[in-house]
Amino acid sequence: MKTLTAQLPDALYRQVEKFAVKEQLSLDQVVTVALSAQISAWMTKDYLKERAARGSWEKFQEVLSKVPDAEPEDYDKL
C-alpha cells in the first residue's frame, strides 16, 4: 500500500472529516472510496466515448427498424 500526501482546501477537509465522523469511517476510508468512485466515473466516461466512436448510426437504425410499431403491454408501460 502506498501513502499519498495531498493538500486540501480547509473547507473540503472539514466536509470530509464531518462525513467520516457521521458514517463512522476513517478519513483514509472516505478518501479512498471517494477517489475510487471518481476514477471509475472517469474511466467509464472514456470507455463510453470509445464505444460510441465504434458505433454506427446506420446499423442502429437498421436494428431499430426491426422493432414492431406497437403499443407496449400494460405491464410494460411507464
C-alpha atoms as a PDB file:
ATOM      1  CA  MET A   1       0.000   0.000   0.000  1.00  0.00           C
ATOM      2  CA  LYS A   2       1.232   3.493  -0.818  1.00  0.00           C
ATOM      3  CA  THR A   3       0.979   6.701   1.179  1.00  0.00           C
ATOM      4  CA  LEU A   4      -0.271   9.823  -0.562  1.00  0.00           C
ATOM      5  CA  THR A   5       0.213  13.301   0.794  1.00  0.00           C
ATOM      6  CA  ALA A   6      -2.258  15.800  -0.595  1.00  0.00           C
ATOM      7  CA  GLN A   7      -3.233  19.350   0.188  1.00  0.00           C
ATOM      8  CA  LEU A   8      -6.953  20.053   0.502  1.00  0.00           C
ATOM      9  CA  PRO A   9      -8.756  23.327   0.942  1.00  0.00           C
ATOM     10  CA  ASP A  10      -9.781  23.747   4.578  1.00  0.00           C
ATOM     11  CA  ALA A  11     -13.495  23.732   3.712  1.00  0.00           C
ATOM     12  CA  LEU A  12     -13.206  20.421   1.836  1.00  0.00           C
ATOM     13  CA  TYR A  13     -11.210  18.869   4.658  1.00  0.00           C
ATOM     14  CA  ARG A  14     -13.892  19.870   7.169  1.00  0.00           C
ATOM     15  CA  GLN A  15     -16.572  18.301   4.952  1.00  0.00           C
ATOM     16  CA  VAL A  16     -14.611  15.050   4.652  1.00  0.00           C
ATOM     17  CA  GLU A  17     -13.916  14.992   8.367  1.00  0.00           C
ATOM     18  CA  LYS A  18     -17.574  15.657   9.243  1.00  0.00           C
ATOM     19  CA  PHE A  19     -18.735  12.942   6.836  1.00  0.00           C
ATOM     20  CA  ALA A  20     -16.235  10.438   8.227  1.00  0.00           C
ATOM     21  CA  VAL A  21     -17.438  11.015  11.784  1.00  0.00           C
ATOM     22  CA  LYS A  22     -21.097  10.781  10.741  1.00  0.00           C
ATOM     23  CA  GLU A  23     -20.525   7.498   8.863  1.00  0.00           C
ATOM     24  CA  GLN A  24     -18.098   6.152  11.473  1.00  0.00           C
ATOM     25  CA  LEU A  25     -15.315   5.801   8.916  1.00  0.00           C
ATOM     26  CA  SER A  26     -11.692   6.824   8.977  1.00  0.00           C
ATOM     27  CA  LEU A  27     -10.521   9.717   6.839  1.00  0.00           C
ATOM     28  CA  ASP A  28      -8.445   7.201   4.873  1.00  0.00           C
ATOM     29  CA  GLN A  29     -11.560   5.146   4.097  1.00  0.00           C
ATOM     30  CA  VAL A  30     -13.582   8.168   2.965  1.00  0.00           C
ATOM     31  CA  VAL A  31     -10.799   9.478   0.732  1.00  0.00           C
ATOM     32  CA  THR A  32     -10.103   6.028  -0.738  1.00  0.00           C
ATOM     33  CA  VAL A  33     -13.760   5.364  -1.559  1.00  0.00           C
ATOM     34  CA  ALA A  34     -14.303   8.862  -2.970  1.00  0.00           C
ATOM     35  CA  LEU A  35     -11.185   8.692  -5.127  1.00  0.00           C
ATOM     36  CA  SER A  36     -12.058   5.193  -6.337  1.00  0.00           C
ATOM     37  CA  ALA A  37     -15.562   6.301  -7.304  1.00  0.00           C
ATOM     38  CA  GLN A  38     -14.284   9.328  -9.216  1.00  0.00           C
ATOM     39  CA  ILE A  39     -11.604   7.366 -11.087  1.00  0.00           C
ATOM     40  CA  SER A  40     -14.236   4.782 -12.001  1.00  0.00           C
ATOM     41  CA  ALA A  41     -16.545   7.512 -13.323  1.00  0.00           C
ATOM     42  CA  TRP A  42     -13.755   8.998 -15.442  1.00  0.00           C
ATOM     43  CA  MET A  43     -12.816   5.590 -16.815  1.00  0.00           C
ATOM     44  CA  THR A  44     -16.461   4.814 -17.620  1.00  0.00           C
ATOM     45  CA  LYS A  45     -16.775   8.113 -19.480  1.00  0.00           C
ATOM     46  CA  ASP A  46     -13.695   7.288 -21.550  1.00  0.00           C
ATOM     47  CA  TYR A  47     -14.983   3.750 -22.211  1.00  0.00           C
ATOM     48  CA  LEU A  48     -18.339   5.070 -23.427  1.00  0.00           C
ATOM     49  CA  LYS A  49     -16.615   7.574 -25.712  1.00  0.00           C
ATOM     50  CA  GLU A  50     -14.539   4.778 -27.234  1.00  0.00           C
ATOM     51  CA  ARG A  51     -17.616   2.587 -27.733  1.00  0.00           C
ATOM     52  CA  ALA A  52     -19.561   5.474 -29.268  1.00  0.00           C
ATOM     53  CA  ALA A  53     -16.743   6.097 -31.734  1.00  0.00           C
ATOM     54  CA  ARG A  54     -17.079   2.498 -32.953  1.00  0.00           C
ATOM     55  CA  GLY A  55     -20.861   2.751 -33.274  1.00  0.00           C
ATOM     56  CA  SER A  56     -22.794   3.283 -36.460  1.00  0.00           C
ATOM     57  CA  TRP A  57     -25.976   5.323 -36.697  1.00  0.00           C
ATOM     58  CA  GLU A  58     -26.953   3.352 -39.799  1.00  0.00           C
ATOM     59  CA  LYS A  59     -26.613  -0.005 -38.024  1.00  0.00           C
ATOM     60  CA  PHE A  60     -28.600   1.337 -35.091  1.00  0.00           C
ATOM     61  CA  GLN A  61     -31.399   2.444 -37.433  1.00  0.00           C
ATOM     62  CA  GLU A  62     -31.307  -0.958 -39.148  1.00  0.00           C
ATOM     63  CA  VAL A  63     -31.786  -2.786 -35.847  1.00  0.00           C
ATOM     64  CA  LEU A  64     -34.422  -0.314 -34.690  1.00  0.00           C
ATOM     65  CA  SER A  65     -36.384  -0.818 -37.897  1.00  0.00           C
ATOM     66  CA  LYS A  66     -36.920  -4.454 -36.877  1.00  0.00           C
ATOM     67  CA  VAL A  67     -38.827  -3.441 -33.737  1.00  0.00           C
ATOM     68  CA  PRO A  68     -42.577  -3.715 -34.304  1.00  0.00           C
ATOM     69  CA  ASP A  69     -44.519  -0.457 -34.237  1.00  0.00           C
ATOM     70  CA  ALA A  70     -46.927  -1.442 -31.484  1.00  0.00           C
ATOM     71  CA  GLU A  71     -48.071  -0.197 -28.112  1.00  0.00           C
ATOM     72  CA  PRO A  72     -46.362  -1.912 -25.182  1.00  0.00           C
ATOM     73  CA  GLU A  73     -48.266  -4.309 -22.965  1.00  0.00           C
ATOM     74  CA  ASP A  74     -49.899  -2.701 -19.915  1.00  0.00           C
ATOM     75  CA  TYR A  75     -47.285  -4.205 -17.592  1.00  0.00           C
ATOM     76  CA  ASP A  76     -44.539  -2.606 -19.701  1.00  0.00           C
ATOM     77  CA  LYS A  77     -45.890   0.955 -19.737  1.00  0.00           C
ATOM     78  CA  LEU A  78     -44.355   3.671 -17.630  1.00  0.00           C
END
